[in-house]
Protein backbone atom coordinates (compact mmCIF):
# COMPACT_ATOMS: atom_id res chain seq x y z
CA MET A 1 90.82 98.37 98.11
CA LEU A 2 90.99 96.55 94.40
CA ARG A 3 94.33 98.33 93.76
CA LEU A 4 96.00 97.34 96.99
CA GLY A 5 95.23 93.54 96.00
CA LYS A 6 96.57 94.12 92.47
CA LEU A 7 99.77 95.66 93.95
CA GLU A 8 100.59 92.90 96.17
CA SER A 9 99.81 90.34 93.36
CA LYS A 10 102.33 92.04 91.12
CA VAL A 11 105.26 92.22 93.60
CA GLU A 12 104.02 88.58 94.68
CA ASN A 13 104.87 87.53 91.03
CA ILE A 14 108.27 89.62 90.92
CA TYR A 15 109.56 88.02 94.07
CA ASN A 16 107.99 84.52 93.88
CA GLY A 17 107.44 83.90 90.51
CA THR A 18 103.61 82.74 91.15
CA VAL A 19 100.56 84.17 90.38
CA GLY A 20 98.44 85.86 93.12
CA ASN A 21 94.72 84.93 93.41
CA LEU A 22 92.80 88.39 93.22
CA THR A 23 89.32 86.88 93.60
CA ASN A 24 90.01 85.84 97.15
CA GLY A 25 93.35 87.66 98.22
CA ILE A 26 95.06 84.62 99.16
CA SER A 27 98.82 83.89 98.18
CA THR A 28 101.37 81.12 98.90
CA THR A 29 102.99 82.25 102.44
CA THR A 30 105.83 81.10 104.54
CA PRO A 31 105.10 78.32 107.08
CA SER A 32 103.07 79.18 110.23
CA ALA A 33 105.47 80.54 112.88
CA THR A 34 103.23 78.87 115.63
CA ASN A 35 104.71 75.52 114.37
CA PRO A 36 107.70 76.06 112.52
CA GLU A 37 108.23 73.91 109.68
CA LYS A 38 111.72 72.08 109.26
CA VAL A 39 113.14 70.30 106.41
CA ASN A 40 111.81 66.78 106.71
CA VAL A 41 115.01 64.60 106.82
CA ALA A 42 113.00 61.56 106.98
CA ASP A 43 111.57 62.29 103.71
CA LEU A 44 114.96 63.17 102.03
CA LEU A 45 116.14 59.50 103.07
CA ASN A 46 113.07 58.32 101.50
CA GLY A 47 113.63 59.53 98.24
CA ALA A 48 112.45 63.06 98.34
CA GLN A 49 115.96 64.26 97.23
CA GLU A 50 115.17 62.66 93.88
CA LYS A 51 112.39 65.13 93.70
CA CYS A 52 114.81 68.29 94.42
CA GLU A 53 114.85 69.29 90.80
CA LEU A 54 114.72 73.03 91.15
CA PRO A 55 111.85 75.10 89.43
CA PRO A 56 112.55 78.11 87.15
CA LEU A 57 114.11 81.00 88.87
CA ASP A 58 112.39 83.66 87.29
CA GLY A 59 111.54 86.79 89.47
CA PHE A 60 114.11 85.23 91.81
CA PRO A 61 117.56 86.85 91.03
CA HIS A 62 119.28 86.03 94.33
CA CYS A 63 118.23 82.61 94.56
CA GLU A 64 121.16 80.75 92.90
CA GLY A 65 123.60 82.88 94.66
CA LYS A 66 122.08 82.15 98.06
CA VAL A 67 122.29 78.72 97.45
CA LYS A 68 126.03 78.95 96.80
CA TRP A 69 126.53 81.06 99.78
CA MET A 70 124.37 78.18 101.83
CA LYS A 71 126.84 75.14 100.51
CA GLU A 72 129.62 77.19 101.84
CA MET A 73 128.37 78.71 105.08
CA TRP A 74 125.17 76.74 106.54
CA ARG A 75 127.39 75.88 109.49
CA SER A 76 128.24 79.39 110.35
CA ASP A 77 125.34 79.34 112.54
CA SER A 78 123.36 76.69 114.21
CA CYS A 79 120.36 78.30 113.50
CA TYR A 80 120.28 76.57 109.88
CA SER A 81 120.43 73.18 111.27
CA ASN A 82 117.59 74.11 113.75
CA TYR A 83 115.56 74.98 110.77
CA GLY A 84 116.26 71.52 109.22
CA VAL A 85 119.33 72.14 106.93
CA ASP A 86 121.44 69.09 106.74
CA GLY A 87 124.20 70.14 104.00
CA SER A 88 122.00 68.97 100.99
CA THR A 89 121.23 71.16 98.12
CA CYS A 90 117.40 70.09 98.57
CA SER A 91 117.53 71.52 102.27
CA PHE A 92 119.08 74.54 101.18
CA PHE A 93 116.86 75.18 98.71
CA ILE A 94 113.55 74.50 101.16
CA TYR A 95 115.12 76.74 103.82
CA LEU A 96 115.49 79.70 101.05
CA SER A 97 112.08 79.20 99.48
CA GLU A 98 109.95 78.43 103.06
CA VAL A 99 111.80 80.31 105.86
CA GLU A 100 113.70 83.25 103.88
CA ASN A 101 111.97 83.30 100.86
CA TRP A 102 114.80 84.01 98.40
CA CYS A 103 113.61 80.98 96.09
CA PRO A 104 110.56 79.68 94.48
CA ARG A 105 108.94 76.69 96.30
CA LEU A 106 109.48 73.34 95.68
CA PRO A 107 106.21 71.85 93.57
CA TRP A 108 106.18 68.96 95.97
CA ARG A 109 106.59 71.06 98.97
CA THR A 110 103.76 73.63 98.23
CA LYS A 111 101.02 73.51 100.48
CA THR A 112 97.46 73.39 99.36
CA LEU A 113 95.36 76.56 100.01
CA GLY A 114 92.85 74.86 102.28
CA GLU A 115 95.82 73.69 104.64
CA ASP A 116 97.46 77.07 104.65
CA ILE A 117 94.30 78.76 105.78
CA ASP A 118 93.42 75.80 108.24
CA ARG A 119 96.56 76.85 110.11
CA ARG A 120 95.20 80.34 110.77
CA ARG A 121 92.53 82.73 111.88
CA GLN A 122 90.60 83.77 108.87
CA ALA A 123 89.81 87.16 108.15
CA GLU A 124 86.21 88.55 108.22
CA VAL A 125 85.25 91.60 106.74
CA ARG A 126 84.34 94.34 109.24
CA THR A 127 81.43 96.84 108.77
CA ASN A 128 81.65 98.13 112.08
CA PHE A 129 84.32 100.90 112.63
CA ASP A 130 83.81 101.19 116.75
CA GLU A 131 87.09 99.25 117.28
CA LEU A 132 89.33 101.51 115.04
CA TYR A 133 87.77 104.61 116.68
CA ARG A 134 88.55 103.35 120.03
CA VAL A 135 92.07 102.78 119.10
CA MET A 136 92.61 105.92 117.03
CA SER A 137 90.73 108.21 119.66
CA GLN A 138 93.51 107.43 122.43
CA ARG A 139 96.01 109.77 120.28
CA GLU A 140 95.77 113.18 119.45
CA GLU A 141 97.81 112.48 116.28
CA PHE A 142 95.38 110.50 114.68
CA ARG A 143 92.22 113.04 115.25
CA TRP A 144 92.31 114.53 111.69
CA MET A 145 92.34 111.06 110.28
CA MET A 146 89.44 109.79 112.57
CA LEU A 147 87.60 112.65 111.41
CA ARG A 148 87.82 111.89 107.84
CA ILE A 149 87.12 108.30 108.15
CA LYS A 150 83.97 109.05 110.07
CA ARG A 151 82.77 111.53 107.47
CA MET A 152 83.26 108.78 104.86
CA ALA A 153 82.10 105.89 107.00
CA GLU A 154 79.16 105.25 104.96
CA PRO A 155 80.65 104.93 101.60
CA TRP A 156 83.46 102.66 103.06
CA VAL A 157 80.87 100.35 104.48
CA SER A 158 79.00 100.11 101.28
CA ALA A 159 82.06 99.38 99.57
CA ILE A 160 83.03 96.63 101.52
CA ARG A 161 79.68 94.99 101.30
CA SER A 162 79.86 95.36 97.37
CA LEU A 163 83.00 93.96 97.29
CA ALA A 164 82.28 90.97 99.51
CA GLU A 165 79.03 90.28 97.24
CA LYS A 166 81.31 90.39 94.06
CA GLN A 167 84.48 88.74 95.06
CA ASN A 168 84.97 85.85 97.29
CA LEU A 169 86.74 87.31 100.40
CA VAL A 170 86.41 84.07 102.47
CA LYS A 171 89.40 81.84 103.70
CA ARG A 172 91.64 84.94 103.62
CA GLN A 173 94.68 84.98 106.07
CA LYS A 174 94.11 87.49 108.95
CA LYS A 175 97.49 88.87 109.16
CA LYS A 176 99.36 90.86 111.78
CA ILE A 177 100.03 94.42 110.01
CA LEU A 178 102.25 97.17 111.60
CA VAL A 179 101.37 100.58 110.55
CA HIS A 180 104.16 102.75 111.65
CA LEU A 181 103.82 106.63 110.68
CA GLY A 182 107.31 108.25 110.81
CA LEU A 183 106.02 111.32 109.66
CA LEU A 184 103.70 111.88 112.94
CA THR A 185 106.70 110.86 115.33
CA LYS A 186 107.86 113.85 117.59
CA GLU A 187 111.45 112.74 116.44
CA SER A 188 110.57 113.71 112.53
CA GLY A 189 110.35 117.27 113.62
CA PHE A 190 107.39 117.70 110.80
CA LYS A 191 104.63 118.70 113.24
CA ILE A 192 102.20 117.57 110.68
CA ALA A 193 99.47 116.53 113.27
CA GLU A 194 99.93 119.63 114.94
CA ASN A 195 99.26 121.56 111.87
CA ALA A 196 96.56 119.43 110.18
CA PHE A 197 93.58 122.11 111.22
CA SER A 198 95.71 125.16 110.79
CA GLY A 199 96.75 124.68 106.93
CA GLY A 200 99.33 122.33 107.48
CA PRO A 201 99.81 119.55 104.55
CA LEU A 202 97.14 116.92 104.40
CA GLY A 203 98.12 114.78 101.52
CA GLU A 204 99.84 112.23 103.66
CA LEU A 205 97.64 111.91 106.03
CA VAL A 206 94.71 111.58 103.55
CA GLN A 207 96.72 108.37 102.09
CA TRP A 208 97.19 107.01 105.49
CA SER A 209 93.79 107.26 106.80
CA ASP A 210 92.54 105.75 103.70
CA LEU A 211 95.03 102.76 103.67
CA ILE A 212 94.60 102.07 107.61
CA THR A 213 90.39 101.87 106.87
CA THR A 214 90.98 99.62 104.11
CA LEU A 215 93.02 96.94 105.91
CA TYR A 216 90.93 97.08 109.17
CA LEU A 217 87.60 96.52 106.90
CA LEU A 218 89.03 93.62 105.08
CA GLY A 219 89.59 91.91 108.82
CA HIS A 220 93.33 92.13 109.53
CA ASP A 221 94.77 92.71 112.75
CA VAL A 222 96.27 96.29 112.51
CA ARG A 223 98.54 97.96 115.29
CA ILE A 224 99.11 101.88 114.72
CA SER A 225 102.28 103.30 115.69
CA ALA A 226 103.19 107.11 115.88
CA SER A 227 106.11 106.93 117.98
CA ILE A 228 109.55 105.22 118.58
CA ALA A 229 108.26 104.04 121.97
CA GLU A 230 105.35 102.58 120.72
CA LEU A 231 107.20 101.02 117.61
CA LYS A 232 109.80 99.51 120.53
CA GLU A 233 106.79 97.82 122.41
CA ILE A 234 105.40 96.44 119.32
CA MET A 235 108.74 94.77 118.02
CA ARG A 236 110.43 94.46 121.60
CA LYS A 237 110.38 90.23 121.16
CA VAL A 238 112.73 90.48 117.97
CA MET A 239 114.96 93.59 118.76
CA GLY A 240 117.60 91.37 120.13
CA ASN A 241 117.76 88.73 117.54
CA LYS A 242 121.26 88.54 116.23
CA SER A 243 120.93 85.02 114.76
CA SER A 244 121.28 84.72 110.92
CA CYS A 245 117.99 83.29 110.76
CA PRO A 246 114.33 84.84 111.47
CA THR A 247 113.15 84.32 115.09
CA GLN A 248 111.22 81.07 115.69
CA GLY A 249 108.05 81.06 117.00
CA ASP A 250 104.50 83.45 116.82
CA LYS A 251 105.19 86.01 114.39
CA VAL A 252 105.36 89.71 115.60
CA VAL A 253 104.22 91.07 112.42
CA GLU A 254 103.66 89.51 109.06
CA LEU A 255 103.40 92.99 106.88
CA ILE A 256 104.58 96.42 107.71
CA TYR A 257 103.42 99.73 106.24
CA ILE A 258 105.96 102.65 106.62
CA ASP A 259 107.25 105.91 105.47
CA ILE A 260 110.65 106.88 104.79
CA VAL A 261 111.29 108.66 108.18
CA GLY A 262 109.83 105.59 109.61
CA LEU A 263 111.98 103.34 107.59
CA THR A 264 115.28 104.80 109.45
CA GLN A 265 113.54 104.68 112.90
CA PHE A 266 112.63 100.77 112.12
CA LYS A 267 115.95 100.22 111.05
CA LYS A 268 117.74 101.69 114.20
CA THR A 269 115.24 99.92 116.52
CA LEU A 270 115.71 96.44 115.14
CA GLY A 271 119.32 96.53 114.65
CA PRO A 272 120.87 93.81 112.94
CA SER A 273 117.44 91.93 112.94
CA TRP A 274 116.08 94.39 110.23
CA VAL A 275 117.16 92.29 107.64
CA HIS A 276 114.68 89.59 108.53
CA TYR A 277 111.56 92.24 108.01
CA GLN A 278 112.68 93.77 104.76
CA CYS A 279 110.18 91.53 102.92
CA MET A 280 107.55 92.82 104.86
CA LEU A 281 107.98 96.27 104.30
CA ARG A 282 105.41 98.43 102.23
CA VAL A 283 106.66 101.94 101.77
CA LEU A 284 104.37 104.82 101.38
CA ASP A 285 106.41 107.45 99.26
CA SER A 286 104.29 110.31 97.98
CA PHE A 287 106.98 111.23 95.14
CA GLY A 288 108.39 107.76 94.40
CA THR A 289 111.91 106.44 94.41
CA GLU A 290 113.65 105.93 91.17
CA PRO A 291 115.74 102.59 90.94
CA GLU A 292 119.10 104.33 90.70
CA PHE A 293 118.25 106.03 94.10
CA ASN A 294 117.22 102.96 95.78
CA HIS A 295 120.10 100.66 94.79
CA ALA A 296 123.00 101.94 97.17
CA HIS A 297 125.86 100.76 95.22
CA TYR A 298 124.70 102.45 92.01
CA ALA A 299 123.44 105.54 93.94
CA GLN A 300 126.86 106.02 95.41
CA SER A 301 128.72 105.48 91.86
CA LYS A 302 126.51 108.07 90.43
CA GLY A 303 126.93 110.55 92.95
CA HIS A 304 123.32 110.71 94.24
CA LYS A 305 123.35 112.33 97.59
CA THR A 306 119.74 111.57 99.06
CA PRO A 307 118.87 111.07 102.76
CA TRP A 308 115.59 109.28 101.38
CA GLY A 309 117.12 106.73 99.10
CA LYS A 310 119.77 103.43 99.38
CA TRP A 311 117.42 101.13 100.86
CA ASN A 312 117.96 98.45 98.53
CA LEU A 313 114.51 97.38 98.49
CA ASN A 314 112.57 96.28 95.37
CA PRO A 315 111.28 99.42 93.70
CA GLN A 316 107.70 98.11 93.71
CA GLN A 317 107.88 97.82 97.42
CA PHE A 318 107.48 101.81 97.08
CA ASN A 319 103.74 103.00 97.09
CA THR A 320 102.92 106.44 95.21
CA MET A 321 99.95 108.77 95.77
CA PHE A 322 99.86 109.00 91.92
CA PRO A 323 101.02 106.77 89.30
CA HIS A 324 104.30 108.29 88.24
CA THR A 325 106.07 105.39 87.10
CA PRO A 326 106.02 101.71 86.60
CA ASP A 327 108.99 101.04 88.62
CA ASN A 328 106.94 101.93 91.71
CA SER A 329 103.58 100.85 92.91
CA PHE A 330 100.71 103.15 92.66
CA LEU A 331 98.55 103.06 96.02
CA GLY A 332 96.52 106.24 95.37
CA PHE A 333 93.86 107.55 98.08
CA VAL A 334 90.10 108.07 98.10
CA VAL A 335 88.72 111.25 96.93
CA GLU A 336 86.44 112.74 99.26
CA GLN A 337 83.09 113.28 97.54
CA HIS A 338 80.34 111.84 99.55
CA LEU A 339 78.90 113.53 102.68
CA ASN A 340 76.42 111.63 104.99
CA ALA A 341 73.07 110.59 104.07
CA SER A 342 70.90 113.83 104.97
CA ASP A 343 73.65 115.89 103.11
CA ILE A 344 73.70 113.85 99.99
CA SER A 345 70.07 114.35 99.77
CA HIS A 346 69.98 117.89 99.30
CA ILE A 347 73.60 118.85 97.98
CA ASP A 348 72.62 118.24 94.13
CA ASP A 349 70.39 121.10 94.64
CA ILE A 350 73.13 123.73 95.68
CA LYS A 351 73.46 126.28 92.86
CA ARG A 352 76.76 127.14 91.05
CA GLN A 353 77.75 130.49 91.85
CA ASN A 354 79.81 132.57 89.81
CA GLN A 355 82.93 132.17 91.90
CA SER A 356 86.42 130.72 92.16
CA LEU A 357 88.24 129.11 95.12
CA VAL A 358 91.86 129.34 95.51
CA TYR A 359 93.83 126.26 96.43
CA GLY A 360 96.30 127.45 98.98
CA LYS A 361 95.70 127.45 102.90
CA VAL A 362 99.01 129.40 103.55
CA ASP A 363 99.53 133.17 103.12
CA ASN A 364 102.97 132.78 101.49
CA PHE A 365 101.29 130.84 98.56
CA TRP A 366 99.64 133.64 97.22
CA LYS A 367 102.91 135.72 97.22
CA ASP A 368 103.58 137.18 93.61
CA LYS A 369 100.25 135.95 92.30
CA LYS A 370 98.05 139.39 92.25
CA LYS A 371 98.26 139.76 88.60
CA TYR A 372 97.00 136.14 87.98
CA LEU A 373 94.22 136.42 90.28
CA ASP A 374 93.33 139.89 88.96
CA VAL A 375 92.48 138.18 85.77
CA ILE A 376 90.34 135.51 87.41
CA HIS A 377 88.64 138.36 89.24
CA SER A 378 87.67 140.41 86.42
CA TYR A 379 85.22 137.28 85.50
CA MET A 380 84.32 135.93 88.82
CA GLU A 381 84.36 136.34 92.54
CA VAL A 382 87.55 134.90 94.37
CA HIS A 383 87.46 132.76 97.50
CA GLY A 384 90.04 131.51 99.99
CA THR A 385 90.39 129.22 102.87
CA VAL A 386 93.79 130.61 104.32
CA HIS A 387 94.52 129.90 107.76
CA GLY A 388 95.46 132.58 110.44
CA THR A 389 95.63 136.58 110.86
CA SER A 390 98.63 136.88 108.19
CA THR A 391 96.62 137.42 104.95
CA VAL A 392 99.14 140.04 103.59
CA HIS A 393 99.69 138.47 100.17
CA LEU A 394 95.67 138.13 99.40
CA PRO A 395 94.07 140.77 97.45
CA GLY A 396 91.60 143.00 98.96
CA TYR A 397 88.91 141.53 96.77
CA VAL A 398 89.41 137.78 98.09
CA GLU A 399 86.45 136.50 100.43
CA ASN A 400 88.54 134.49 102.98
CA HIS A 401 86.75 131.81 105.02
CA GLY A 402 89.71 130.59 107.00
CA ILE A 403 90.33 126.82 107.35
CA LEU A 404 87.07 124.93 106.81
CA SER A 405 85.95 121.56 108.31
CA GLY A 406 85.86 118.67 105.47
CA ARG A 407 82.22 118.88 105.32
CA ASP A 408 81.93 122.73 104.79
CA LEU A 409 84.64 122.29 102.36
CA GLN A 410 82.67 120.06 100.01
CA PHE A 411 79.66 122.43 100.28
CA LEU A 412 81.66 125.31 99.26
CA LEU A 413 83.36 123.27 96.05
CA ARG A 414 79.39 122.35 95.32
CA GLU A 415 78.84 125.93 94.72
CA THR A 416 82.19 127.08 93.15
CA LYS A 417 83.08 127.06 89.40
CA LEU A 418 86.35 127.09 89.33
CA PHE A 419 89.35 125.67 91.36
CA VAL A 420 92.59 127.77 91.18
CA GLY A 421 96.03 126.55 91.38
CA LEU A 422 98.97 128.53 92.43
CA SER A 423 101.61 126.49 91.33
CA PHE A 424 102.00 125.28 94.97
CA PRO A 425 101.62 122.61 96.53
CA TYR A 426 102.64 120.05 94.02
CA GLU A 427 100.48 116.89 93.20
CA GLY A 428 98.21 116.87 96.14
CA PRO A 429 94.60 115.50 96.66
CA ALA A 430 92.62 118.83 96.71
CA PRO A 431 92.56 119.07 92.78
CA LEU A 432 90.97 116.09 92.51
CA GLU A 433 88.06 116.79 95.20
CA ALA A 434 87.24 119.90 93.72
CA ILE A 435 86.72 118.13 90.28
CA ALA A 436 84.77 115.22 91.99
CA ASN A 437 82.61 118.16 93.16
CA GLY A 438 82.06 119.63 89.73
CA CYS A 439 84.85 122.20 89.82
CA ALA A 440 87.31 123.04 86.63
CA PHE A 441 90.82 123.23 87.90
CA LEU A 442 93.10 125.97 86.55
CA ASN A 443 96.42 124.12 86.64
CA PRO A 444 99.53 126.15 86.45
CA LYS A 445 102.26 125.05 83.71
CA PHE A 446 105.71 124.85 84.66
CA ASN A 447 108.48 125.96 81.73
CA PRO A 448 110.94 124.69 82.35
CA PRO A 449 109.63 121.45 84.22
CA LYS A 450 110.48 121.58 88.19
CA SER A 451 112.81 118.85 89.32
CA SER A 452 115.57 118.14 91.91
CA LYS A 453 117.71 120.10 89.34
CA ASN A 454 116.40 123.49 89.64
CA THR A 455 113.60 123.40 92.67
CA ASP A 456 114.52 123.42 96.21
CA PHE A 457 111.68 121.47 97.52
CA PHE A 458 112.84 118.23 95.08
CA LYS A 459 116.66 118.24 96.27
CA GLY A 460 117.39 115.23 98.04
CA LYS A 461 114.08 113.39 96.74
CA PRO A 462 115.21 110.04 95.25
CA THR A 463 113.78 110.70 91.83
CA LEU A 464 114.78 112.90 88.74
CA ARG A 465 111.22 113.18 87.67
CA GLU A 466 110.21 116.49 86.03
CA LEU A 467 106.91 118.08 86.74
CA THR A 468 105.51 119.83 83.84
CA SER A 469 102.46 121.50 85.70
CA GLN A 470 101.42 121.73 89.64
CA HIS A 471 99.31 118.60 88.78
CA PRO A 472 100.70 116.32 86.08
CA TYR A 473 98.39 113.49 87.02
CA ALA A 474 95.57 115.89 86.53
CA GLU A 475 97.00 117.40 83.26
CA VAL A 476 97.68 114.03 81.67
CA TYR A 477 94.96 111.66 82.80
CA ILE A 478 92.08 113.92 83.38
CA GLY A 479 92.60 116.93 81.09
CA GLU A 480 89.77 119.27 79.45
CA PRO A 481 87.34 120.23 80.33
CA HIS A 482 87.85 119.58 83.94
CA VAL A 483 91.51 120.32 83.86
CA TRP A 484 92.93 123.70 82.10
CA THR A 485 96.91 123.63 82.20
CA VAL A 486 97.91 127.40 81.46
CA ASP A 487 100.81 129.45 81.74
CA ILE A 488 99.62 131.78 84.56
CA GLU A 489 102.24 134.60 83.75
CA ASN A 490 100.18 134.89 80.24
CA PRO A 491 97.09 136.76 80.97
CA ALA A 492 95.58 136.13 77.37
CA GLU A 493 95.91 132.25 77.91
CA VAL A 494 94.28 132.39 81.55
CA GLU A 495 91.27 134.35 80.05
CA ARG A 496 91.10 132.03 77.10
CA ALA A 497 90.69 129.30 79.62
CA ILE A 498 88.33 130.99 81.76
CA ARG A 499 86.06 131.69 78.93
CA SER A 500 85.96 128.45 77.74
CA ILE A 501 85.09 127.19 81.31
CA LEU A 502 82.58 129.67 82.00
CA SER A 503 80.71 129.00 78.30
CA GLN A 504 79.90 124.97 79.54
CA LYS A 505 78.49 123.13 82.24
CA ILE A 506 80.88 120.98 83.68
CA GLU A 507 80.01 117.61 85.36
CA PRO A 508 81.50 116.23 88.22
CA TYR A 509 84.21 113.89 87.43
CA LEU A 510 85.88 111.18 89.60
CA PRO A 511 88.55 108.58 88.37
CA SER A 512 87.66 104.92 89.28
CA SER A 513 91.12 104.52 90.91
CA SER A 514 89.88 107.08 93.42
CA ARG A 515 86.57 105.63 94.27
CA VAL A 516 86.22 103.85 97.61
CA ARG A 517 85.23 100.74 95.99
CA GLY A 518 88.36 100.56 93.81
CA CYS A 519 90.50 101.34 96.72
CA CYS A 520 88.74 98.46 98.49
CA ARG A 521 89.32 95.86 95.64
CA GLU A 522 92.77 96.77 95.30
CA SER A 523 93.75 96.81 99.25
CA THR A 524 93.84 92.88 99.77
CA PRO A 525 97.43 92.29 100.40
CA SER A 526 100.11 89.44 100.83
CA SER A 527 103.59 89.23 102.55
CA ARG A 528 105.42 86.69 100.89
CA THR A 529 108.32 88.89 99.39
CA ARG A 530 111.75 89.75 99.56
CA THR A 531 112.48 93.14 100.05
CA SER A 532 109.30 95.13 99.91
CA VAL A 533 105.56 95.34 99.08
CA MET A 534 101.66 95.10 100.61
CA VAL A 535 98.63 92.09 102.81
CA ARG A 536 96.00 90.09 101.61
C-alpha cells in the first residue's frame, strides 16, 4: 500500500510540478465535476488578469505549446467558451491547468486542501471484505483472485489498521476507480481465468488481486470489468463525446487501472473521447515499456514493430511487477506467506525435509532438464506440482503432487529446502514465496542473456531489457544464501551450490516491498496527471 502512494506522488510531480502529500494521500485535483468551475470573468475584469504571471513550467513540457495552440484555436469549439475561456492568456492558462491539466495551477487559483475535500465524499478505511466478495463472487473469472484475497484477509486487515494508526488517512478523496482486466476478457483469447486452476500463469492475477484489495481497503469506489460489454456499460455516458473538451458533469471515472490488452479495448470503445482519459490511465505491465517503444514517432523511426507499444503515455504510467527500470513505476505484489491464525500457530513446527520442489507446473517446462535434476536428486528428493496426466518429461523419481491449493503449497514449501528453477517461467512471484517460506532458490543463469533479440517469448514486447537469469530481481536484490544463480548445464557448479545450501540453515526472507504493509502504504493514489499514472 505504501508503494502505490509513492508512485502516485512521483508521477504527480512529473506532470504537475507539485509535491504530493504522502501522509494523507491527497494532492491537488481538477475542479469538482458536479459543479464545473469556469474561469471567473468578473475576477479577470477586477484585476485578476494582473495576477496571471505564469508559474515555473518544470514538469509540464507541453504547457507552452498548448497555450500557443489555444490562442489560435480556442474558437474552434464552443466547449472552450462553455468552460469560461474568453481569449485572454489567463483564461487559456486556467483552462489548461484546471480542466485539462497541461499546465501548473496559478497560485492564486489553488484551492486549499480542506475546500477540495469538503466538495467530495471522503474515503474511509475498510476492514470488512463483504462488499468486495459480493462483487467478485458474481464472476467466475474472479474466483482465483477472490480465493487468494480470502486466504490473506487477516494480514491485509492488520496492515490497513497499522497504516491508519501510523499515518493520517482522513480527509482523503474517495475516487471512482475503474479496474479493467483486459487479460480476462474473452476477446483476449488468453483463457487465463479458465486455466488458473490447471497450471496456467498466475503472476498477473497475483498482482491484480493485490491491487484490487488495496484500493478497496483504502476506501475507494472500485468498479471491476472483465468484458468489453461491462466496459461499455460503465463508460456509455461519455462514449459519444466528440467535443474537444472533457464531458461536463459528474465524472464517470477518475482513475483507471488497466493492462495493455485492455488499453486497446478501451481506446476502441471510447473512440475520439479516449484522449480525455489518458491522464487517468495506470497500466499494469509486467515486463515494462521502455520510452523508445512508448513514443510512437520515435518507435516508428527506429523500426520497432511491437503490438504492445506506441501509446505516447508518460513512461511512469506503466507499472511493473519488479523494479526493472526507473523509467517505469514499480507497483509490485504481495508475497503470500501467512496463513490463517490456526495455521500460523503450528506452521513453524513443521520440520524441513531433505527435499526439493521444482518450479514448473507444466510438463513441457521439464523438457531436457533430466541431467540437471539428476544432480539434485543425488542429494535430495525431488517433488513437483505438475498439472494433468501428461508427465512424460518428469523423471521417474519425481514425487508429483499435482496442482495444490495456495494453503497446501505454503505447507509444502515450509518442509522443503530447495526451490528449483527450470529457466522458465521468467520473473514470476513463486520464487519469492519460496524464499519467504525458508527455501533456497536455485536460479538458472542465462549466457548469453535472453531478450527480444534471441528469445521468441520476448519478441514484440516493448523492451530491449536482457535477462541474465530466470529471475534477475532475486539474483541482484536478494542473492545468497537465499538465491543461488548457477549454470544448470554445469553439473559441478550445481553441486557446489547444493552442498553450500545443505551446509547451512536458511531463514525465511521477505523483501519489505513485498509485504502487505508495504503494499498498503504505497497504494494511496492520485489522478491529476496528463497521460498516465495511479489513486490517493
